PDB file of N, CA and C in Angstrom:
ATOM      1  N   MET A   1     131.958 106.522  54.459  1.00  0.00           N
ATOM      2  CA  MET A   1     131.872 107.868  55.011  1.00  0.00           C
ATOM      3  C   MET A   1     131.187 108.776  53.993  1.00  0.00           C
ATOM      4  N   ILE A   2     130.484 109.773  54.516  1.00  0.00           N
ATOM      5  CA  ILE A   2     129.744 110.710  53.680  1.00  0.00           C
ATOM      6  C   ILE A   2     130.224 112.133  53.972  1.00  0.00           C
ATOM      7  N   ARG A   3     130.687 112.808  52.936  1.00  0.00           N
ATOM      8  CA  ARG A   3     131.039 114.227  53.036  1.00  0.00           C
ATOM      9  C   ARG A   3     129.760 115.005  52.735  1.00  0.00           C
ATOM     10  N   HIS A   4     129.416 115.955  53.596  1.00  0.00           N
ATOM     11  CA  HIS A   4     128.199 116.768  53.475  1.00  0.00           C
ATOM     12  C   HIS A   4     128.643 118.228  53.449  1.00  0.00           C
ATOM     13  N   ILE A   5     128.458 118.881  52.297  1.00  0.00           N
ATOM     14  CA  ILE A   5     128.866 120.271  52.129  1.00  0.00           C
ATOM     15  C   ILE A   5     127.630 121.093  51.766  1.00  0.00           C
ATOM     16  N   VAL A   6     127.428 122.189  52.482  1.00  0.00           N
ATOM     17  CA  VAL A   6     126.305 123.083  52.205  1.00  0.00           C
ATOM     18  C   VAL A   6     126.849 124.508  52.171  1.00  0.00           C
ATOM     19  N   MET A   7     126.373 125.294  51.192  1.00  0.00           N
ATOM     20  CA  MET A   7     126.775 126.697  51.074  1.00  0.00           C
ATOM     21  C   MET A   7     125.522 127.566  50.981  1.00  0.00           C
ATOM     22  N   TRP A   8     125.595 128.732  51.625  1.00  0.00           N
ATOM     23  CA  TRP A   8     124.480 129.663  51.620  1.00  0.00           C
ATOM     24  C   TRP A   8     124.949 131.041  51.170  1.00  0.00           C
ATOM     25  N   LYS A   9     124.140 131.669  50.347  1.00  0.00           N
ATOM     26  CA  LYS A   9     124.313 133.080  50.004  1.00  0.00           C
ATOM     27  C   LYS A   9     123.207 133.810  50.766  1.00  0.00           C
ATOM     28  N   LEU A  10     123.575 134.843  51.514  1.00  0.00           N
ATOM     29  CA  LEU A  10     122.603 135.522  52.375  1.00  0.00           C
ATOM     30  C   LEU A  10     122.100 136.815  51.752  1.00  0.00           C
ATOM     31  N   LYS A  11     120.904 137.196  52.175  1.00  0.00           N
ATOM     32  CA  LYS A  11     120.308 138.466  51.757  1.00  0.00           C
ATOM     33  C   LYS A  11     121.094 139.610  52.374  1.00  0.00           C
ATOM     34  N   GLU A  12     121.082 140.767  51.721  1.00  0.00           N
ATOM     35  CA  GLU A  12     121.760 141.944  52.270  1.00  0.00           C
ATOM     36  C   GLU A  12     121.145 142.357  53.607  1.00  0.00           C
ATOM     37  N   HIS A  13     119.815 142.248  53.718  1.00  0.00           N
ATOM     38  CA  HIS A  13     119.094 142.537  54.966  1.00  0.00           C
ATOM     39  C   HIS A  13     117.978 141.518  55.124  1.00  0.00           C
ATOM     40  N   ALA A  14     117.851 140.972  56.318  1.00  0.00           N
ATOM     41  CA  ALA A  14     116.774 140.025  56.622  1.00  0.00           C
ATOM     42  C   ALA A  14     116.647 139.889  58.127  1.00  0.00           C
ATOM     43  N   GLU A  15     115.432 139.668  58.573  1.00  0.00           N
ATOM     44  CA  GLU A  15     115.174 139.443  59.999  1.00  0.00           C
ATOM     45  C   GLU A  15     115.731 140.575  60.870  1.00  0.00           C
ATOM     46  N   GLY A  16     115.679 141.812  60.352  1.00  0.00           N
ATOM     47  CA  GLY A  16     116.121 142.974  61.122  1.00  0.00           C
ATOM     48  C   GLY A  16     117.620 143.128  61.251  1.00  0.00           C
ATOM     49  N   ALA A  17     118.388 142.424  60.426  1.00  0.00           N
ATOM     50  CA  ALA A  17     119.848 142.489  60.527  1.00  0.00           C
ATOM     51  C   ALA A  17     120.462 142.529  59.130  1.00  0.00           C
ATOM     52  N   ASP A  18     121.692 143.037  59.063  1.00  0.00           N
ATOM     53  CA  ASP A  18     122.393 143.035  57.776  1.00  0.00           C
ATOM     54  C   ASP A  18     123.074 141.693  57.549  1.00  0.00           C
ATOM     55  N   ARG A  19     123.642 141.536  56.376  1.00  0.00           N
ATOM     56  CA  ARG A  19     124.249 140.263  55.978  1.00  0.00           C
ATOM     57  C   ARG A  19     125.357 139.836  56.937  1.00  0.00           C
ATOM     58  N   GLN A  20     126.221 140.770  57.347  1.00  0.00           N
ATOM     59  CA  GLN A  20     127.321 140.416  58.250  1.00  0.00           C
ATOM     60  C   GLN A  20     126.803 139.896  59.594  1.00  0.00           C
ATOM     61  N   ALA A  21     125.793 140.555  60.129  1.00  0.00           N
ATOM     62  CA  ALA A  21     125.223 140.104  61.406  1.00  0.00           C
ATOM     63  C   ALA A  21     124.564 138.734  61.248  1.00  0.00           C
ATOM     64  N   ASN A  22     123.882 138.536  60.130  1.00  0.00           N
ATOM     65  CA  ASN A  22     123.239 137.237  59.909  1.00  0.00           C
ATOM     66  C   ASN A  22     124.254 136.132  59.659  1.00  0.00           C
ATOM     67  N   MET A  23     125.400 136.462  59.095  1.00  0.00           N
ATOM     68  CA  MET A  23     126.461 135.461  58.958  1.00  0.00           C
ATOM     69  C   MET A  23     126.863 134.944  60.339  1.00  0.00           C
ATOM     70  N   GLN A  24     126.960 135.835  61.307  1.00  0.00           N
ATOM     71  CA  GLN A  24     127.322 135.428  62.664  1.00  0.00           C
ATOM     72  C   GLN A  24     126.208 134.599  63.310  1.00  0.00           C
ATOM     73  N   LYS A  25     124.951 134.982  63.060  1.00  0.00           N
ATOM     74  CA  LYS A  25     123.826 134.197  63.596  1.00  0.00           C
ATOM     75  C   LYS A  25     123.815 132.794  63.007  1.00  0.00           C
ATOM     76  N   VAL A  26     124.063 132.709  61.702  1.00  0.00           N
ATOM     77  CA  VAL A  26     124.097 131.407  61.038  1.00  0.00           C
ATOM     78  C   VAL A  26     125.233 130.567  61.606  1.00  0.00           C
ATOM     79  N   ARG A  27     126.388 131.180  61.799  1.00  0.00           N
ATOM     80  CA  ARG A  27     127.516 130.443  62.386  1.00  0.00           C
ATOM     81  C   ARG A  27     127.122 129.864  63.746  1.00  0.00           C
ATOM     82  N   GLN A  28     126.466 130.662  64.581  1.00  0.00           N
ATOM     83  CA  GLN A  28     126.079 130.177  65.905  1.00  0.00           C
ATOM     84  C   GLN A  28     125.058 129.047  65.808  1.00  0.00           C
ATOM     85  N   LEU A  29     124.093 129.178  64.900  1.00  0.00           N
ATOM     86  CA  LEU A  29     123.118 128.097  64.716  1.00  0.00           C
ATOM     87  C   LEU A  29     123.821 126.802  64.326  1.00  0.00           C
ATOM     88  N   LEU A  30     124.778 126.912  63.416  1.00  0.00           N
ATOM     89  CA  LEU A  30     125.510 125.724  62.995  1.00  0.00           C
ATOM     90  C   LEU A  30     126.375 125.177  64.124  1.00  0.00           C
ATOM     91  N   GLU A  31     127.033 126.066  64.867  1.00  0.00           N
ATOM     92  CA  GLU A  31     127.849 125.612  66.009  1.00  0.00           C
ATOM     93  C   GLU A  31     127.005 124.821  67.001  1.00  0.00           C
ATOM     94  N   ASP A  32     125.752 125.230  67.165  1.00  0.00           N
ATOM     95  CA  ASP A  32     124.860 124.525  68.090  1.00  0.00           C
ATOM     96  C   ASP A  32     124.561 123.100  67.629  1.00  0.00           C
ATOM     97  N   CYS A  33     124.819 122.810  66.352  1.00  0.00           N
ATOM     98  CA  CYS A  33     124.589 121.461  65.814  1.00  0.00           C
ATOM     99  C   CYS A  33     125.820 120.566  65.919  1.00  0.00           C
ATOM    100  N   ARG A  34     126.956 121.158  66.262  1.00  0.00           N
ATOM    101  CA  ARG A  34     128.200 120.381  66.351  1.00  0.00           C
ATOM    102  C   ARG A  34     128.042 119.251  67.373  1.00  0.00           C
ATOM    103  N   ASP A  35     128.498 118.077  66.999  1.00  0.00           N
ATOM    104  CA  ASP A  35     128.492 116.896  67.880  1.00  0.00           C
ATOM    105  C   ASP A  35     127.106 116.502  68.383  1.00  0.00           C
ATOM    106  N   CYS A  36     126.070 116.817  67.604  1.00  0.00           N
ATOM    107  CA  CYS A  36     124.719 116.495  68.075  1.00  0.00           C
ATOM    108  C   CYS A  36     124.334 115.045  67.826  1.00  0.00           C
ATOM    109  N   VAL A  37     125.092 114.340  66.980  1.00  0.00           N
ATOM    110  CA  VAL A  37     124.778 112.930  66.723  1.00  0.00           C
ATOM    111  C   VAL A  37     126.062 112.106  66.727  1.00  0.00           C
ATOM    112  N   PRO A  38     125.975 110.866  67.155  1.00  0.00           N
ATOM    113  CA  PRO A  38     127.124 109.971  67.021  1.00  0.00           C
ATOM    114  C   PRO A  38     127.447 109.785  65.534  1.00  0.00           C
ATOM    115  N   GLY A  39     128.710 109.651  65.231  1.00  0.00           N
ATOM    116  CA  GLY A  39     129.113 109.426  63.847  1.00  0.00           C
ATOM    117  C   GLY A  39     129.441 110.692  63.080  1.00  0.00           C
ATOM    118  N   MET A  40     129.323 111.856  63.734  1.00  0.00           N
ATOM    119  CA  MET A  40     129.753 113.106  63.113  1.00  0.00           C
ATOM    120  C   MET A  40     131.255 113.207  63.359  1.00  0.00           C
ATOM    121  N   LEU A  41     132.035 113.110  62.303  1.00  0.00           N
ATOM    122  CA  LEU A  41     133.487 113.052  62.438  1.00  0.00           C
ATOM    123  C   LEU A  41     134.161 114.419  62.284  1.00  0.00           C
ATOM    124  N   GLU A  42     133.634 115.246  61.402  1.00  0.00           N
ATOM    125  CA  GLU A  42     134.174 116.591  61.171  1.00  0.00           C
ATOM    126  C   GLU A  42     133.007 117.545  60.997  1.00  0.00           C
ATOM    127  N   PHE A  43     133.215 118.799  61.406  1.00  0.00           N
ATOM    128  CA  PHE A  43     132.155 119.804  61.305  1.00  0.00           C
ATOM    129  C   PHE A  43     132.832 121.163  61.259  1.00  0.00           C
ATOM    130  N   GLU A  44     133.042 121.677  60.067  1.00  0.00           N
ATOM    131  CA  GLU A  44     133.773 122.930  59.881  1.00  0.00           C
ATOM    132  C   GLU A  44     132.847 123.973  59.259  1.00  0.00           C
ATOM    133  N   ILE A  45     132.834 125.155  59.847  1.00  0.00           N
ATOM    134  CA  ILE A  45     132.011 126.261  59.372  1.00  0.00           C
ATOM    135  C   ILE A  45     132.937 127.368  58.892  1.00  0.00           C
ATOM    136  N   GLY A  46     132.690 127.862  57.691  1.00  0.00           N
ATOM    137  CA  GLY A  46     133.502 128.941  57.150  1.00  0.00           C
ATOM    138  C   GLY A  46     132.629 130.108  56.745  1.00  0.00           C
ATOM    139  N   LEU A  47     133.117 131.316  57.042  1.00  0.00           N
ATOM    140  CA  LEU A  47     132.458 132.545  56.613  1.00  0.00           C
ATOM    141  C   LEU A  47     133.351 133.232  55.596  1.00  0.00           C
ATOM    142  N   ALA A  48     132.736 133.797  54.561  1.00  0.00           N
ATOM    143  CA  ALA A  48     133.497 134.509  53.543  1.00  0.00           C
ATOM    144  C   ALA A  48     134.256 135.660  54.191  1.00  0.00           C
ATOM    145  N   SER A  49     135.507 135.800  53.822  1.00  0.00           N
ATOM    146  CA  SER A  49     136.351 136.877  54.355  1.00  0.00           C
ATOM    147  C   SER A  49     136.136 138.150  53.560  1.00  0.00           C
ATOM    148  N   GLU A  50     136.078 139.263  54.258  1.00  0.00           N
ATOM    149  CA  GLU A  50     135.967 140.549  53.572  1.00  0.00           C
ATOM    150  C   GLU A  50     137.198 140.754  52.707  1.00  0.00           C
ATOM    151  N   GLY A  51     136.995 141.269  51.522  1.00  0.00           N
ATOM    152  CA  GLY A  51     138.100 141.528  50.627  1.00  0.00           C
ATOM    153  C   GLY A  51     138.477 140.345  49.759  1.00  0.00           C
ATOM    154  N   CYS A  52     137.953 139.175  50.054  1.00  0.00           N
ATOM    155  CA  CYS A  52     138.211 137.993  49.224  1.00  0.00           C
ATOM    156  C   CYS A  52     136.980 137.744  48.357  1.00  0.00           C
ATOM    157  N   GLU A  53     137.231 137.393  47.119  1.00  0.00           N
ATOM    158  CA  GLU A  53     136.105 137.105  46.237  1.00  0.00           C
ATOM    159  C   GLU A  53     135.448 135.804  46.689  1.00  0.00           C
ATOM    160  N   ALA A  54     134.154 135.843  46.888  1.00  0.00           N
ATOM    161  CA  ALA A  54     133.400 134.654  47.291  1.00  0.00           C
ATOM    162  C   ALA A  54     132.007 134.749  46.692  1.00  0.00           C
ATOM    163  N   THR A  55     131.502 133.630  46.227  1.00  0.00           N
ATOM    164  CA  THR A  55     130.154 133.627  45.677  1.00  0.00           C
ATOM    165  C   THR A  55     129.114 133.249  46.712  1.00  0.00           C
ATOM    166  N   TYR A  56     129.561 132.664  47.820  1.00  0.00           N
ATOM    167  CA  TYR A  56     128.666 132.311  48.913  1.00  0.00           C
ATOM    168  C   TYR A  56     129.219 132.891  50.203  1.00  0.00           C
ATOM    169  N   ASP A  57     128.340 133.069  51.181  1.00  0.00           N
ATOM    170  CA  ASP A  57     128.721 133.728  52.428  1.00  0.00           C
ATOM    171  C   ASP A  57     129.105 132.754  53.541  1.00  0.00           C
ATOM    172  N   VAL A  58     128.470 131.599  53.561  1.00  0.00           N
ATOM    173  CA  VAL A  58     128.685 130.624  54.631  1.00  0.00           C
ATOM    174  C   VAL A  58     128.813 129.241  54.002  1.00  0.00           C
ATOM    175  N   VAL A  59     129.740 128.459  54.527  1.00  0.00           N
ATOM    176  CA  VAL A  59     129.885 127.077  54.081  1.00  0.00           C
ATOM    177  C   VAL A  59     129.970 126.157  55.299  1.00  0.00           C
ATOM    178  N   LEU A  60     129.335 125.017  55.180  1.00  0.00           N
ATOM    179  CA  LEU A  60     129.454 123.947  56.171  1.00  0.00           C
ATOM    180  C   LEU A  60     130.091 122.767  55.455  1.00  0.00           C
ATOM    181  N   ASN A  61     131.199 122.297  55.990  1.00  0.00           N
ATOM    182  CA  ASN A  61     131.899 121.135  55.434  1.00  0.00           C
ATOM    183  C   ASN A  61     131.968 120.106  56.554  1.00  0.00           C
ATOM    184  N   SER A  62     131.218 119.028  56.409  1.00  0.00           N
ATOM    185  CA  SER A  62     131.144 118.045  57.489  1.00  0.00           C
ATOM    186  C   SER A  62     131.354 116.638  56.937  1.00  0.00           C
ATOM    187  N   LEU A  63     131.709 115.752  57.839  1.00  0.00           N
ATOM    188  CA  LEU A  63     131.968 114.363  57.478  1.00  0.00           C
ATOM    189  C   LEU A  63     131.259 113.462  58.485  1.00  0.00           C
ATOM    190  N   PHE A  64     130.543 112.473  57.953  1.00  0.00           N
ATOM    191  CA  PHE A  64     129.805 111.524  58.784  1.00  0.00           C
ATOM    192  C   PHE A  64     130.307 110.118  58.486  1.00  0.00           C
ATOM    193  N   GLU A  65     130.320 109.280  59.506  1.00  0.00           N
ATOM    194  CA  GLU A  65     130.854 107.936  59.315  1.00  0.00           C
ATOM    195  C   GLU A  65     129.966 107.064  58.448  1.00  0.00           C
ATOM    196  N   SER A  66     128.684 107.443  58.311  1.00  0.00           N
ATOM    197  CA  SER A  66     127.753 106.635  57.517  1.00  0.00           C
ATOM    198  C   SER A  66     126.576 107.492  57.054  1.00  0.00           C
ATOM    199  N   ARG A  67     125.864 106.973  56.088  1.00  0.00           N
ATOM    200  CA  ARG A  67     124.644 107.641  55.628  1.00  0.00           C
ATOM    201  C   ARG A  67     123.642 107.728  56.781  1.00  0.00           C
ATOM    202  N   GLU A  68     123.608 106.714  57.627  1.00  0.00           N
ATOM    203  CA  GLU A  68     122.686 106.725  58.772  1.00  0.00           C
ATOM    204  C   GLU A  68     123.016 107.863  59.738  1.00  0.00           C
ATOM    205  N   ALA A  69     124.292 108.123  59.948  1.00  0.00           N
ATOM    206  CA  ALA A  69     124.679 109.234  60.825  1.00  0.00           C
ATOM    207  C   ALA A  69     124.257 110.569  60.220  1.00  0.00           C
ATOM    208  N   LEU A  70     124.426 110.725  58.900  1.00  0.00           N
ATOM    209  CA  LEU A  70     123.975 111.953  58.239  1.00  0.00           C
ATOM    210  C   LEU A  70     122.465 112.095  58.343  1.00  0.00           C
ATOM    211  N   GLU A  71     121.751 111.013  58.130  1.00  0.00           N
ATOM    212  CA  GLU A  71     120.287 111.058  58.240  1.00  0.00           C
ATOM    213  C   GLU A  71     119.850 111.408  59.660  1.00  0.00           C
ATOM    214  N   ALA A  72     120.554 110.914  60.664  1.00  0.00           N
ATOM    215  CA  ALA A  72     120.236 111.261  62.059  1.00  0.00           C
ATOM    216  C   ALA A  72     120.461 112.751  62.297  1.00  0.00           C
ATOM    217  N   TYR A  73     121.528 113.291  61.718  1.00  0.00           N
ATOM    218  CA  TYR A  73     121.793 114.738  61.815  1.00  0.00           C
ATOM    219  C   TYR A  73     120.666 115.534  61.163  1.00  0.00           C
ATOM    220  N   GLN A  74     120.215 115.103  59.997  1.00  0.00           N
ATOM    221  CA  GLN A  74     119.190 115.847  59.253  1.00  0.00           C
ATOM    222  C   GLN A  74     117.898 116.007  60.057  1.00  0.00           C
ATOM    223  N   VAL A  75     117.561 115.029  60.890  1.00  0.00           N
ATOM    224  CA  VAL A  75     116.305 115.092  61.645  1.00  0.00           C
ATOM    225  C   VAL A  75     116.510 115.445  63.116  1.00  0.00           C
ATOM    226  N   HIS A  76     117.759 115.697  63.510  1.00  0.00           N
ATOM    227  CA  HIS A  76     118.023 116.041  64.913  1.00  0.00           C
ATOM    228  C   HIS A  76     117.322 117.373  65.247  1.00  0.00           C
ATOM    229  N   PRO A  77     116.720 117.488  66.439  1.00  0.00           N
ATOM    230  CA  PRO A  77     115.986 118.708  66.795  1.00  0.00           C
ATOM    231  C   PRO A  77     116.804 119.998  66.672  1.00  0.00           C
ATOM    232  N   ARG A  78     118.090 119.966  67.000  1.00  0.00           N
ATOM    233  CA  ARG A  78     118.902 121.190  66.869  1.00  0.00           C
ATOM    234  C   ARG A  78     119.055 121.592  65.407  1.00  0.00           C
ATOM    235  N   HIS A  79     119.212 120.618  64.530  1.00  0.00           N
ATOM    236  CA  HIS A  79     119.326 120.920  63.099  1.00  0.00           C
ATOM    237  C   HIS A  79     117.991 121.422  62.552  1.00  0.00           C
ATOM    238  N   VAL A  80     116.920 120.753  62.900  1.00  0.00           N
ATOM    239  CA  VAL A  80     115.590 121.151  62.443  1.00  0.00           C
ATOM    240  C   VAL A  80     115.262 122.566  62.932  1.00  0.00           C
ATOM    241  N   ALA A  81     115.651 122.899  64.156  1.00  0.00           N
ATOM    242  CA  ALA A  81     115.375 124.221  64.725  1.00  0.00           C
ATOM    243  C   ALA A  81     116.104 125.340  63.987  1.00  0.00           C
ATOM    244  N   SER A  82     117.183 125.024  63.296  1.00  0.00           N
ATOM    245  CA  SER A  82     117.940 126.062  62.577  1.00  0.00           C
ATOM    246  C   SER A  82     117.296 126.441  61.245  1.00  0.00           C
ATOM    247  N   LYS A  83     116.438 125.606  60.725  1.00  0.00           N
ATOM    248  CA  LYS A  83     115.914 125.800  59.375  1.00  0.00           C
ATOM    249  C   LYS A  83     115.074 127.064  59.172  1.00  0.00           C
ATOM    250  N   PRO A  84     114.211 127.468  60.098  1.00  0.00           N
ATOM    251  CA  PRO A  84     113.426 128.680  59.843  1.00  0.00           C
ATOM    252  C   PRO A  84     114.289 129.932  59.629  1.00  0.00           C
ATOM    253  N   LEU A  85     115.288 130.152  60.476  1.00  0.00           N
ATOM    254  CA  LEU A  85     116.140 131.322  60.292  1.00  0.00           C
ATOM    255  C   LEU A  85     116.954 131.185  59.008  1.00  0.00           C
ATOM    256  N   MET A  86     117.488 130.010  58.762  1.00  0.00           N
ATOM    257  CA  MET A  86     118.281 129.805  57.551  1.00  0.00           C
ATOM    258  C   MET A  86     117.452 130.134  56.315  1.00  0.00           C
ATOM    259  N   SER A  87     116.223 129.698  56.275  1.00  0.00           N
ATOM    260  CA  SER A  87     115.354 129.978  55.131  1.00  0.00           C
ATOM    261  C   SER A  87     115.049 131.465  55.006  1.00  0.00           C
ATOM    262  N   ALA A  88     114.906 132.140  56.140  1.00  0.00           N
ATOM    263  CA  ALA A  88     114.556 133.558  56.130  1.00  0.00           C
ATOM    264  C   ALA A  88     115.701 134.458  55.684  1.00  0.00           C
ATOM    265  N   VAL A  89     116.940 134.056  55.932  1.00  0.00           N
ATOM    266  CA  VAL A  89     118.073 134.951  55.650  1.00  0.00           C
ATOM    267  C   VAL A  89     118.814 134.622  54.356  1.00  0.00           C
ATOM    268  N   ARG A  90     118.503 133.517  53.728  1.00  0.00           N
ATOM    269  CA  ARG A  90     119.275 133.122  52.541  1.00  0.00           C
ATOM    270  C   ARG A  90     118.558 133.471  51.246  1.00  0.00           C
ATOM    271  N   THR A  91     119.380 133.682  50.215  1.00  0.00           N
ATOM    272  CA  THR A  91     118.843 133.817  48.864  1.00  0.00           C
ATOM    273  C   THR A  91     119.098 132.544  48.070  1.00  0.00           C
ATOM    274  N   GLU A  92     120.184 131.848  48.408  1.00  0.00           N
ATOM    275  CA  GLU A  92     120.531 130.623  47.699  1.00  0.00           C
ATOM    276  C   GLU A  92     121.125 129.611  48.673  1.00  0.00           C
ATOM    277  N   ARG A  93     120.960 128.341  48.300  1.00  0.00           N
ATOM    278  CA  ARG A  93     121.545 127.238  49.070  1.00  0.00           C
ATOM    279  C   ARG A  93     121.983 126.173  48.083  1.00  0.00           C
ATOM    280  N   GLN A  94     123.175 125.678  48.280  1.00  0.00           N
ATOM    281  CA  GLN A  94     123.687 124.569  47.482  1.00  0.00           C
ATOM    282  C   GLN A  94     124.153 123.484  48.445  1.00  0.00           C
ATOM    283  N   CYS A  95     123.911 122.244  48.084  1.00  0.00           N
ATOM    284  CA  CYS A  95     124.301 121.124  48.939  1.00  0.00           C
ATOM    285  C   CYS A  95     124.854 120.007  48.067  1.00  0.00           C
ATOM    286  N   MET A  96     125.879 119.353  48.585  1.00  0.00           N
ATOM    287  CA  MET A  96     126.405 118.177  47.918  1.00  0.00           C
ATOM    288  C   MET A  96     126.842 117.166  48.964  1.00  0.00           C
ATOM    289  N   ASP A  97     126.379 115.943  48.791  1.00  0.00           N
ATOM    290  CA  ASP A  97     126.797 114.824  49.620  1.00  0.00           C
ATOM    291  C   ASP A  97     127.480 113.822  48.704  1.00  0.00           C
ATOM    292  N   TYR A  98     128.601 113.265  49.177  1.00  0.00           N
ATOM    293  CA  TYR A  98     129.250 112.224  48.382  1.00  0.00           C
ATOM    294  C   TYR A  98     129.964 111.254  49.302  1.00  0.00           C
ATOM    295  N   GLU A  99     130.096 110.034  48.811  1.00  0.00           N
ATOM    296  CA  GLU A  99     130.702 108.976  49.604  1.00  0.00           C
ATOM    297  C   GLU A  99     132.210 108.976  49.447  1.00  0.00           C
ATOM    298  N   LEU A 100     132.887 108.699  50.553  1.00  0.00           N
ATOM    299  CA  LEU A 100     134.336 108.557  50.586  1.00  0.00           C
ATOM    300  C   LEU A 100     134.673 107.142  51.044  1.00  0.00           C
ATOM    301  N   PRO A 101     135.796 106.622  50.630  1.00  0.00           N
ATOM    302  CA  PRO A 101     136.189 105.319  51.151  1.00  0.00           C
ATOM    303  C   PRO A 101     136.534 105.431  52.632  1.00  0.00           C
ATOM    304  N   ALA A 102     136.354 104.382  53.365  1.00  0.00           N
ATOM    305  CA  ALA A 102     136.691 104.378  54.793  1.00  0.00           C
ATOM    306  C   ALA A 102     138.184 104.658  54.960  1.00  0.00           C
ATOM    307  N   ARG A 103     138.520 105.385  56.029  1.00  0.00           N
ATOM    308  CA  ARG A 103     139.926 105.723  56.294  1.00  0.00           C
ATOM    309  C   ARG A 103     140.647 104.569  56.923  1.00  0.00           C
TER     310      ARG A 103
END
């Protein structure tokens, strides 16, 4: 199994919207990717809470049954379609993939 975690820090203003509005747009883009490929076992999206210290605004924590399932997600049309907006609204992106033993 492969854990796939991605975090984004968003610009204060981008694409005609403020950071809070873009956080919601990013959440919807990610939600549209949920269950888009076989082998996606978990798909959790988190937004930084107001009043809580956070260094990033959006996090995706997902689990795939295999590297092949993750690779299928990476090239899936819904995932690819999210990239232009994500690139336009973010200042930073961090990603980490790591293998877990089978459950």
